[in-house]
Amino acid sequence: MATSLWATFLGNEACFYKVTIDMNTSVASSYTDASSNHHVVNEFADIVPVVSGRIGERETNVVSGTSLHKALGVATRMTDWIKRRIGEYGFKEGLDYIIVENLRSPNLSSSKSRQQISHEYMTTLDMAKELAMVERSEQGRAIRRYFIQCEEALQLTAPEVAARYRRKLKARIGVANLFKPMCSALESVRAEQGKATQSHHYSNESNMISRIVLGGLTAKQWAGMNGVVGDPRDSMNAEQLEHLSYLESTNITLLDMGMDYPQRKVELTRLSQRWMARRLGS
């Protein structure tokens, strides 16, 4: 008999894999209670549960690869199937999915049997939707609709969680929109001074701001310490992203004012402290 995967998630292994699952926030279960009209949710909520959790340092909705594989009716062995799909569609471990060790209890009828370790793939809801879609089957289409309805359920049953996701998305887009203008401002200032801008000049600006936000760490160092795979900014929380946006926007202004690197570093540090004090005050 297999040890419960959710028990594995909630035990000591959770810290090692940086995963936390709160079964009380099961989106599928909440939605089933909230609206009996959505038959697709009622049909699949038990066999493919969608729960709130973390992959890497990112809050997300999580789906069991084994449950999804079974519901899709795929004939190929589960691990072969998901490994093939990962290779075909470029899913990234730590970003789109994680692998969790699941301990199976020994067969008590056999004196030679020992505990066995199996591996479970836990995927983001987005990855699960893609996996369902590419199967091009009736089950795949139905399960994909179910996942979409689970996202809609989040709006109904946990509006504060949905608002947190929206805030983070807005902050992430804001950071992405400011980085290139900041690099352009740096390049323009250096061109006026007759200086060429090399790649390390851009990274110096980015690292300066990251160190202010992340307690002296560059984004790369922060990602390494937190087991983050992929772009570190994808795993930062909304407050960190908003802080980065504020400093990048301010840095553009300081560059336009003609401040050199040491002056900007001092001013950005001062303004960062004021920004954080205001946040704490509110």
C-alpha atoms as a PDB file:
ATOM      1  CA  MET A   1       0.000   0.000   0.000  1.00  0.00           C
ATOM      2  CA  ALA A   2       1.415   3.380  -1.024  1.00  0.00           C
ATOM      3  CA  THR A   3       2.137   6.029   1.557  1.00  0.00           C
ATOM      4  CA  SER A   4      -0.110   9.045   0.933  1.00  0.00           C
ATOM      5  CA  LEU A   5       1.555  11.496  -1.448  1.00  0.00           C
ATOM      6  CA  TRP A   6      -0.077  14.356   0.415  1.00  0.00           C
ATOM      7  CA  ALA A   7       1.374  13.036   3.670  1.00  0.00           C
ATOM      8  CA  THR A   8       4.774  13.081   1.981  1.00  0.00           C
ATOM      9  CA  PHE A   9       4.149  16.676   0.918  1.00  0.00           C
ATOM     10  CA  LEU A  10       3.162  17.710   4.417  1.00  0.00           C
ATOM     11  CA  GLY A  11       6.033  15.922   6.171  1.00  0.00           C
ATOM     12  CA  ASN A  12       9.732  16.710   6.391  1.00  0.00           C
ATOM     13  CA  GLU A  13      10.157  16.230   2.658  1.00  0.00           C
ATOM     14  CA  ALA A  14       8.173  19.415   2.119  1.00  0.00           C
ATOM     15  CA  CYS A  15      11.106  21.514   3.289  1.00  0.00           C
ATOM     16  CA  PHE A  16      13.575  19.604   1.110  1.00  0.00           C
ATOM     17  CA  TYR A  17      11.499  19.992  -2.026  1.00  0.00           C
ATOM     18  CA  LYS A  18      10.290  23.471  -1.059  1.00  0.00           C
ATOM     19  CA  VAL A  19       6.666  22.400  -1.461  1.00  0.00           C
ATOM     20  CA  THR A  20       3.736  23.194   0.770  1.00  0.00           C
ATOM     21  CA  ILE A  21       0.217  21.991   0.163  1.00  0.00           C
ATOM     22  CA  ASP A  22      -2.804  23.243   2.090  1.00  0.00           C
ATOM     23  CA  MET A  23      -5.568  20.696   1.614  1.00  0.00           C
ATOM     24  CA  ASN A  24      -8.083  23.109   3.114  1.00  0.00           C
ATOM     25  CA  THR A  25      -7.722  25.311   0.042  1.00  0.00           C
ATOM     26  CA  SER A  26      -8.560  22.628  -2.489  1.00  0.00           C
ATOM     27  CA  VAL A  27      -9.980  24.685  -5.317  1.00  0.00           C
ATOM     28  CA  ALA A  28     -11.813  21.794  -6.912  1.00  0.00           C
ATOM     29  CA  SER A  29     -13.563  20.752  -3.703  1.00  0.00           C
ATOM     30  CA  SER A  30     -14.588  24.307  -2.862  1.00  0.00           C
ATOM     31  CA  TYR A  31     -15.966  24.871  -6.306  1.00  0.00           C
ATOM     32  CA  THR A  32     -17.928  21.625  -6.258  1.00  0.00           C
ATOM     33  CA  ASP A  33     -19.651  22.794  -3.080  1.00  0.00           C
ATOM     34  CA  ALA A  34     -20.202  26.285  -4.434  1.00  0.00           C
ATOM     35  CA  SER A  35     -21.872  25.357  -7.708  1.00  0.00           C
ATOM     36  CA  SER A  36     -23.502  22.048  -8.575  1.00  0.00           C
ATOM     37  CA  ASN A  37     -24.176  23.266 -12.106  1.00  0.00           C
ATOM     38  CA  HIS A  38     -20.621  22.636 -13.290  1.00  0.00           C
ATOM     39  CA  HIS A  39     -20.844  18.924 -14.040  1.00  0.00           C
ATOM     40  CA  VAL A  40     -17.313  18.745 -15.434  1.00  0.00           C
ATOM     41  CA  VAL A  41     -15.904  19.856 -12.095  1.00  0.00           C
ATOM     42  CA  ASN A  42     -18.124  17.404 -10.233  1.00  0.00           C
ATOM     43  CA  GLU A  43     -16.940  14.613 -12.512  1.00  0.00           C
ATOM     44  CA  PHE A  44     -13.201  15.222 -12.210  1.00  0.00           C
ATOM     45  CA  ALA A  45     -12.693  16.892  -8.811  1.00  0.00           C
ATOM     46  CA  ASP A  46     -12.050  13.599  -7.024  1.00  0.00           C
ATOM     47  CA  ILE A  47      -9.857  11.942  -9.653  1.00  0.00           C
ATOM     48  CA  VAL A  48      -7.732  14.982 -10.591  1.00  0.00           C
ATOM     49  CA  PRO A  49      -7.619  17.256  -7.518  1.00  0.00           C
ATOM     50  CA  VAL A  50      -6.253  20.758  -7.959  1.00  0.00           C
ATOM     51  CA  VAL A  51      -4.719  22.157  -4.788  1.00  0.00           C
ATOM     52  CA  SER A  52      -2.919  25.311  -3.757  1.00  0.00           C
ATOM     53  CA  GLY A  53       0.829  24.843  -3.322  1.00  0.00           C
ATOM     54  CA  ARG A  54       4.303  25.940  -4.321  1.00  0.00           C
ATOM     55  CA  ILE A  55       6.705  24.913  -7.053  1.00  0.00           C
ATOM     56  CA  GLY A  56      10.141  26.352  -6.382  1.00  0.00           C
ATOM     57  CA  GLU A  57       9.469  29.664  -4.662  1.00  0.00           C
ATOM     58  CA  ARG A  58       6.277  30.342  -6.611  1.00  0.00           C
ATOM     59  CA  GLU A  59       2.734  30.018  -5.306  1.00  0.00           C
ATOM     60  CA  THR A  60       0.622  28.138  -7.806  1.00  0.00           C
ATOM     61  CA  ASN A  61      -2.104  25.530  -8.240  1.00  0.00           C
ATOM     62  CA  VAL A  62      -0.688  22.011  -8.321  1.00  0.00           C
ATOM     63  CA  VAL A  63      -1.829  18.831 -10.089  1.00  0.00           C
ATOM     64  CA  SER A  64      -0.628  15.249  -9.597  1.00  0.00           C
ATOM     65  CA  GLY A  65       0.893  13.837 -12.774  1.00  0.00           C
ATOM     66  CA  THR A  66      -0.206  10.329 -11.809  1.00  0.00           C
ATOM     67  CA  SER A  67      -3.832  11.401 -11.336  1.00  0.00           C
ATOM     68  CA  LEU A  68      -3.781  13.296 -14.622  1.00  0.00           C
ATOM     69  CA  HIS A  69      -2.226  10.360 -16.495  1.00  0.00           C
ATOM     70  CA  LYS A  70      -4.898   8.006 -15.162  1.00  0.00           C
ATOM     71  CA  ALA A  71      -7.758  10.375 -15.971  1.00  0.00           C
ATOM     72  CA  LEU A  72      -6.499  10.913 -19.520  1.00  0.00           C
ATOM     73  CA  GLY A  73      -6.487   7.169 -20.099  1.00  0.00           C
ATOM     74  CA  VAL A  74      -2.987   7.204 -21.592  1.00  0.00           C
ATOM     75  CA  ALA A  75      -1.784   3.682 -22.420  1.00  0.00           C
ATOM     76  CA  THR A  76       1.921   4.522 -22.073  1.00  0.00           C
ATOM     77  CA  ARG A  77       3.538   4.044 -18.653  1.00  0.00           C
ATOM     78  CA  MET A  78       3.169   7.236 -16.606  1.00  0.00           C
ATOM     79  CA  THR A  79       6.866   8.105 -16.226  1.00  0.00           C
ATOM     80  CA  ASP A  80       7.582   7.377 -19.906  1.00  0.00           C
ATOM     81  CA  TRP A  81       4.615   9.495 -20.962  1.00  0.00           C
ATOM     82  CA  ILE A  82       5.433  12.539 -18.849  1.00  0.00           C
ATOM     83  CA  LYS A  83       9.165  12.432 -19.617  1.00  0.00           C
ATOM     84  CA  ARG A  84       8.368  12.381 -23.322  1.00  0.00           C
ATOM     85  CA  ARG A  85       5.985  15.322 -23.015  1.00  0.00           C
ATOM     86  CA  ILE A  86       8.529  17.266 -20.956  1.00  0.00           C
ATOM     87  CA  GLY A  87      11.095  16.759 -23.705  1.00  0.00           C
ATOM     88  CA  GLU A  88       8.662  17.598 -26.502  1.00  0.00           C
ATOM     89  CA  TYR A  89       7.289  20.800 -24.997  1.00  0.00           C
ATOM     90  CA  GLY A  90      10.267  22.100 -23.019  1.00  0.00           C
ATOM     91  CA  PHE A  91       8.766  22.052 -19.518  1.00  0.00           C
ATOM     92  CA  LYS A  92      11.329  23.007 -16.853  1.00  0.00           C
ATOM     93  CA  GLU A  93      11.837  21.272 -13.510  1.00  0.00           C
ATOM     94  CA  GLY A  94      11.423  23.705 -10.640  1.00  0.00           C
ATOM     95  CA  LEU A  95       9.419  26.047 -12.846  1.00  0.00           C
ATOM     96  CA  ASP A  96       6.643  23.920 -14.402  1.00  0.00           C
ATOM     97  CA  TYR A  97       6.915  20.817 -12.244  1.00  0.00           C
ATOM     98  CA  ILE A  98       8.774  19.137  -9.404  1.00  0.00           C
ATOM     99  CA  ILE A  99       9.559  15.488  -8.711  1.00  0.00           C
ATOM    100  CA  VAL A 100       8.590  14.185  -5.270  1.00  0.00           C
ATOM    101  CA  GLU A 101       9.719  10.918  -3.715  1.00  0.00           C
ATOM    102  CA  ASN A 102       6.816   8.762  -2.540  1.00  0.00           C
ATOM    103  CA  LEU A 103       7.519   5.901  -0.119  1.00  0.00           C
ATOM    104  CA  ARG A 104       5.655   2.630  -0.678  1.00  0.00           C
ATOM    105  CA  SER A 105       5.135   0.324   2.296  1.00  0.00           C
ATOM    106  CA  PRO A 106       6.440  -3.246   2.004  1.00  0.00           C
ATOM    107  CA  ASN A 107       4.217  -6.216   1.217  1.00  0.00           C
ATOM    108  CA  LEU A 108       3.700  -7.806   4.644  1.00  0.00           C
ATOM    109  CA  SER A 109       3.028 -11.218   3.097  1.00  0.00           C
ATOM    110  CA  SER A 110       6.589 -11.378   1.763  1.00  0.00           C
ATOM    111  CA  SER A 111       9.579 -11.631   4.096  1.00  0.00           C
ATOM    112  CA  LYS A 112      11.896 -10.213   1.421  1.00  0.00           C
ATOM    113  CA  SER A 113       9.899  -7.149   0.553  1.00  0.00           C
ATOM    114  CA  ARG A 114      11.275  -3.721   1.475  1.00  0.00           C
ATOM    115  CA  GLN A 115       9.999  -0.181   1.267  1.00  0.00           C
ATOM    116  CA  GLN A 116      10.215   1.143  -2.263  1.00  0.00           C
ATOM    117  CA  ILE A 117      10.634   4.693  -3.500  1.00  0.00           C
ATOM    118  CA  SER A 118       8.538   5.882  -6.418  1.00  0.00           C
ATOM    119  CA  HIS A 119       8.604   9.318  -8.006  1.00  0.00           C
ATOM    120  CA  GLU A 120       5.607  11.568  -8.483  1.00  0.00           C
ATOM    121  CA  TYR A 121       5.525  14.516 -10.859  1.00  0.00           C
ATOM    122  CA  MET A 122       3.634  17.509  -9.476  1.00  0.00           C
ATOM    123  CA  THR A 123       2.827  20.029 -12.197  1.00  0.00           C
ATOM    124  CA  THR A 124       1.522  23.563 -12.338  1.00  0.00           C
ATOM    125  CA  LEU A 125      -2.057  23.962 -13.496  1.00  0.00           C
ATOM    126  CA  ASP A 126      -0.808  25.562 -16.724  1.00  0.00           C
ATOM    127  CA  MET A 127       1.394  22.558 -17.500  1.00  0.00           C
ATOM    128  CA  ALA A 128      -1.482  20.195 -16.704  1.00  0.00           C
ATOM    129  CA  LYS A 129      -3.735  22.109 -19.109  1.00  0.00           C
ATOM    130  CA  GLU A 130      -1.149  21.775 -21.858  1.00  0.00           C
ATOM    131  CA  LEU A 131      -0.698  18.072 -21.183  1.00  0.00           C
ATOM    132  CA  ALA A 132      -4.452  17.548 -21.388  1.00  0.00           C
ATOM    133  CA  MET A 133      -4.737  19.603 -24.568  1.00  0.00           C
ATOM    134  CA  VAL A 134      -1.986  17.816 -26.505  1.00  0.00           C
ATOM    135  CA  GLU A 135      -3.569  14.402 -25.940  1.00  0.00           C
ATOM    136  CA  ARG A 136      -6.253  15.444 -28.467  1.00  0.00           C
ATOM    137  CA  SER A 137      -8.788  13.109 -26.912  1.00  0.00           C
ATOM    138  CA  GLU A 138     -12.251  13.494 -25.446  1.00  0.00           C
ATOM    139  CA  GLN A 139     -10.813  12.974 -21.968  1.00  0.00           C
ATOM    140  CA  GLY A 140      -8.153  15.594 -22.634  1.00  0.00           C
ATOM    141  CA  ARG A 141     -10.681  18.198 -23.750  1.00  0.00           C
ATOM    142  CA  ALA A 142     -12.946  17.508 -20.784  1.00  0.00           C
ATOM    143  CA  ILE A 143     -10.111  17.676 -18.257  1.00  0.00           C
ATOM    144  CA  ARG A 144      -8.792  20.884 -19.788  1.00  0.00           C
ATOM    145  CA  ARG A 145     -12.271  22.435 -19.368  1.00  0.00           C
ATOM    146  CA  TYR A 146     -12.223  21.255 -15.770  1.00  0.00           C
ATOM    147  CA  PHE A 147      -8.878  22.972 -15.145  1.00  0.00           C
ATOM    148  CA  ILE A 148     -10.193  26.209 -16.663  1.00  0.00           C
ATOM    149  CA  GLN A 149     -13.254  26.002 -14.414  1.00  0.00           C
ATOM    150  CA  CYS A 150     -10.982  25.449 -11.414  1.00  0.00           C
ATOM    151  CA  GLU A 151      -9.310  28.766 -12.243  1.00  0.00           C
ATOM    152  CA  GLU A 152     -12.730  30.393 -12.408  1.00  0.00           C
ATOM    153  CA  ALA A 153     -13.539  28.772  -9.065  1.00  0.00           C
ATOM    154  CA  LEU A 154     -10.577  30.529  -7.513  1.00  0.00           C
ATOM    155  CA  GLN A 155     -12.265  33.834  -8.307  1.00  0.00           C
ATOM    156  CA  LEU A 156     -15.440  32.689  -6.509  1.00  0.00           C
ATOM    157  CA  THR A 157     -14.129  30.798  -3.493  1.00  0.00           C
ATOM    158  CA  ALA A 158     -10.852  32.569  -2.734  1.00  0.00           C
ATOM    159  CA  PRO A 159     -10.995  36.123  -4.116  1.00  0.00           C
ATOM    160  CA  GLU A 160      -8.150  37.242  -1.851  1.00  0.00           C
ATOM    161  CA  VAL A 161      -5.892  34.560  -3.386  1.00  0.00           C
ATOM    162  CA  ALA A 162      -6.927  35.572  -6.891  1.00  0.00           C
ATOM    163  CA  ALA A 163      -6.218  39.208  -6.018  1.00  0.00           C
ATOM    164  CA  ARG A 164      -2.760  38.215  -4.782  1.00  0.00           C
ATOM    165  CA  TYR A 165      -2.057  36.426  -8.072  1.00  0.00           C
ATOM    166  CA  ARG A 166      -3.239  39.474 -10.060  1.00  0.00           C
ATOM    167  CA  ARG A 167      -1.058  41.792  -7.987  1.00  0.00           C
ATOM    168  CA  LYS A 168       1.989  39.623  -8.623  1.00  0.00           C
ATOM    169  CA  LEU A 169       1.255  39.387 -12.352  1.00  0.00           C
ATOM    170  CA  LYS A 170       0.908  43.166 -12.586  1.00  0.00           C
ATOM    171  CA  ALA A 171       4.195  43.660 -10.704  1.00  0.00           C
ATOM    172  CA  ARG A 172       5.999  41.090 -12.856  1.00  0.00           C
ATOM    173  CA  ILE A 173       4.875  42.798 -16.056  1.00  0.00           C
ATOM    174  CA  GLY A 174       5.904  46.156 -14.602  1.00  0.00           C
ATOM    175  CA  VAL A 175       9.450  44.937 -13.961  1.00  0.00           C
ATOM    176  CA  ALA A 176       9.675  43.464 -17.451  1.00  0.00           C
ATOM    177  CA  ASN A 177       8.506  46.743 -18.988  1.00  0.00           C
ATOM    178  CA  LEU A 178      11.090  48.840 -17.126  1.00  0.00           C
ATOM    179  CA  PHE A 179      14.281  46.840 -17.600  1.00  0.00           C
ATOM    180  CA  LYS A 180      14.842  47.699 -21.267  1.00  0.00           C
ATOM    181  CA  PRO A 181      14.153  51.444 -20.804  1.00  0.00           C
ATOM    182  CA  MET A 182      16.624  51.463 -17.905  1.00  0.00           C
ATOM    183  CA  CYS A 183      19.267  49.837 -20.110  1.00  0.00           C
ATOM    184  CA  SER A 184      18.515  52.342 -22.885  1.00  0.00           C
ATOM    185  CA  ALA A 185      18.884  55.249 -20.455  1.00  0.00           C
ATOM    186  CA  LEU A 186      22.247  53.895 -19.308  1.00  0.00           C
ATOM    187  CA  GLU A 187      23.406  53.470 -22.887  1.00  0.00           C
ATOM    188  CA  SER A 188      22.347  57.023 -23.810  1.00  0.00           C
ATOM    189  CA  VAL A 189      24.165  58.557 -20.843  1.00  0.00           C
ATOM    190  CA  ARG A 190      27.352  56.659 -21.600  1.00  0.00           C
ATOM    191  CA  ALA A 191      27.125  57.558 -25.298  1.00  0.00           C
ATOM    192  CA  GLU A 192      26.931  61.258 -24.364  1.00  0.00           C
ATOM    193  CA  GLN A 193      30.137  60.728 -22.390  1.00  0.00           C
ATOM    194  CA  GLY A 194      31.770  59.054 -25.377  1.00  0.00           C
ATOM    195  CA  LYS A 195      31.780  55.657 -23.672  1.00  0.00           C
ATOM    196  CA  ALA A 196      30.731  52.320 -25.124  1.00  0.00           C
ATOM    197  CA  THR A 197      28.307  50.228 -23.077  1.00  0.00           C
ATOM    198  CA  GLN A 198      29.287  46.598 -22.535  1.00  0.00           C
ATOM    199  CA  SER A 199      27.099  43.777 -21.248  1.00  0.00           C
ATOM    200  CA  HIS A 200      28.625  43.986 -17.768  1.00  0.00           C
ATOM    201  CA  HIS A 201      27.481  47.605 -17.453  1.00  0.00           C
ATOM    202  CA  TYR A 202      23.851  46.472 -17.774  1.00  0.00           C
ATOM    203  CA  SER A 203      24.364  43.663 -15.266  1.00  0.00           C
ATOM    204  CA  ASN A 204      26.013  46.126 -12.849  1.00  0.00           C
ATOM    205  CA  GLU A 205      22.830  48.219 -12.842  1.00  0.00           C
ATOM    206  CA  SER A 206      20.623  45.182 -12.384  1.00  0.00           C
ATOM    207  CA  ASN A 207      22.797  43.768  -9.600  1.00  0.00           C
ATOM    208  CA  MET A 208      22.923  47.101  -7.779  1.00  0.00           C
ATOM    209  CA  ILE A 209      19.129  47.250  -7.623  1.00  0.00           C
ATOM    210  CA  SER A 210      18.746  43.558  -6.795  1.00  0.00           C
ATOM    211  CA  ARG A 211      21.154  43.881  -3.865  1.00  0.00           C
ATOM    212  CA  ILE A 212      19.083  46.717  -2.427  1.00  0.00           C
ATOM    213  CA  VAL A 213      15.868  44.687  -2.704  1.00  0.00           C
ATOM    214  CA  LEU A 214      17.244  41.250  -1.783  1.00  0.00           C
ATOM    215  CA  GLY A 215      19.346  42.117   1.244  1.00  0.00           C
ATOM    216  CA  GLY A 216      22.730  42.342  -0.445  1.00  0.00           C
ATOM    217  CA  LEU A 217      22.246  39.452  -2.880  1.00  0.00           C
ATOM    218  CA  THR A 218      22.174  39.557  -6.648  1.00  0.00           C
ATOM    219  CA  ALA A 219      19.172  37.899  -8.283  1.00  0.00           C
ATOM    220  CA  LYS A 220      21.370  34.960  -9.260  1.00  0.00           C
ATOM    221  CA  GLN A 221      22.670  34.526  -5.705  1.00  0.00           C
ATOM    222  CA  TRP A 222      19.139  34.791  -4.305  1.00  0.00           C
ATOM    223  CA  ALA A 223      17.903  32.162  -6.770  1.00  0.00           C
ATOM    224  CA  GLY A 224      20.726  29.812  -5.805  1.00  0.00           C
ATOM    225  CA  MET A 225      19.981  30.152  -2.097  1.00  0.00           C
ATOM    226  CA  ASN A 226      16.265  29.491  -2.645  1.00  0.00           C
ATOM    227  CA  GLY A 227      16.540  26.654  -5.148  1.00  0.00           C
ATOM    228  CA  VAL A 228      14.955  28.703  -7.911  1.00  0.00           C
ATOM    229  CA  VAL A 229      15.240  27.432 -11.484  1.00  0.00           C
ATOM    230  CA  GLY A 230      14.677  29.791 -14.410  1.00  0.00           C
ATOM    231  CA  ASP A 231      14.336  33.572 -14.300  1.00  0.00           C
ATOM    232  CA  PRO A 232      14.619  34.606 -10.615  1.00  0.00           C
ATOM    233  CA  ARG A 233      12.046  37.353 -11.079  1.00  0.00           C
ATOM    234  CA  ASP A 234       9.391  34.763 -11.924  1.00  0.00           C
ATOM    235  CA  SER A 235       9.753  33.406  -8.382  1.00  0.00           C
ATOM    236  CA  MET A 236       9.842  36.701  -6.481  1.00  0.00           C
ATOM    237  CA  ASN A 237       6.805  37.790  -4.512  1.00  0.00           C
ATOM    238  CA  ALA A 238       4.688  40.801  -5.416  1.00  0.00           C
ATOM    239  CA  GLU A 239       6.343  43.126  -2.886  1.00  0.00           C
ATOM    240  CA  GLN A 240       9.835  42.299  -4.151  1.00  0.00           C
ATOM    241  CA  LEU A 241       8.730  42.893  -7.741  1.00  0.00           C
ATOM    242  CA  GLU A 242       7.045  46.192  -6.859  1.00  0.00           C
ATOM    243  CA  HIS A 243      10.209  47.255  -5.031  1.00  0.00           C
ATOM    244  CA  LEU A 244      12.300  46.407  -8.109  1.00  0.00           C
ATOM    245  CA  SER A 245       9.912  48.326 -10.365  1.00  0.00           C
ATOM    246  CA  TYR A 246      10.090  51.390  -8.155  1.00  0.00           C
ATOM    247  CA  LEU A 247      13.894  51.373  -8.094  1.00  0.00           C
ATOM    248  CA  GLU A 248      14.262  50.688 -11.822  1.00  0.00           C
ATOM    249  CA  SER A 249      11.882  53.538 -12.634  1.00  0.00           C
ATOM    250  CA  THR A 250      13.732  55.829 -10.222  1.00  0.00           C
ATOM    251  CA  ASN A 251      17.088  54.776 -11.648  1.00  0.00           C
ATOM    252  CA  ILE A 252      15.968  55.884 -15.115  1.00  0.00           C
ATOM    253  CA  THR A 253      15.226  59.339 -13.695  1.00  0.00           C
ATOM    254  CA  LEU A 254      18.579  59.498 -11.893  1.00  0.00           C
ATOM    255  CA  LEU A 255      20.402  58.489 -15.075  1.00  0.00           C
ATOM    256  CA  ASP A 256      18.622  61.260 -16.972  1.00  0.00           C
ATOM    257  CA  MET A 257      19.725  63.688 -14.240  1.00  0.00           C
ATOM    258  CA  GLY A 258      23.347  62.764 -14.933  1.00  0.00           C
ATOM    259  CA  MET A 259      24.143  61.044 -11.643  1.00  0.00           C
ATOM    260  CA  ASP A 260      27.084  58.644 -11.745  1.00  0.00           C
ATOM    261  CA  TYR A 261      26.971  55.086 -10.388  1.00  0.00           C
ATOM    262  CA  PRO A 262      28.088  55.804  -6.771  1.00  0.00           C
ATOM    263  CA  GLN A 263      25.661  58.735  -6.482  1.00  0.00           C
ATOM    264  CA  ARG A 264      22.777  56.674  -7.833  1.00  0.00           C
ATOM    265  CA  LYS A 265      23.568  53.802  -5.491  1.00  0.00           C
ATOM    266  CA  VAL A 266      23.421  56.096  -2.454  1.00  0.00           C
ATOM    267  CA  GLU A 267      20.218  57.783  -3.618  1.00  0.00           C
ATOM    268  CA  LEU A 268      18.479  54.528  -4.539  1.00  0.00           C
ATOM    269  CA  THR A 269      19.364  53.060  -1.135  1.00  0.00           C
ATOM    270  CA  ARG A 270      17.909  56.112   0.608  1.00  0.00           C
ATOM    271  CA  LEU A 271      14.733  56.066  -1.488  1.00  0.00           C
ATOM    272  CA  SER A 272      14.386  52.313  -0.992  1.00  0.00           C
ATOM    273  CA  GLN A 273      14.368  52.753   2.777  1.00  0.00           C
ATOM    274  CA  ARG A 274      11.713  55.449   2.477  1.00  0.00           C
ATOM    275  CA  TRP A 275       9.639  53.205   0.171  1.00  0.00           C
ATOM    276  CA  MET A 276       9.768  50.336   2.677  1.00  0.00           C
ATOM    277  CA  ALA A 277       8.927  52.634   5.593  1.00  0.00           C
ATOM    278  CA  ARG A 278       5.838  53.852   3.762  1.00  0.00           C
ATOM    279  CA  ARG A 279       4.774  50.267   3.064  1.00  0.00           C
ATOM    280  CA  LEU A 280       5.162  49.348   6.717  1.00  0.00           C
ATOM    281  CA  GLY A 281       3.226  52.438   7.721  1.00  0.00           C
ATOM    282  CA  SER A 282       0.317  51.570   5.461  1.00  0.00           C
END
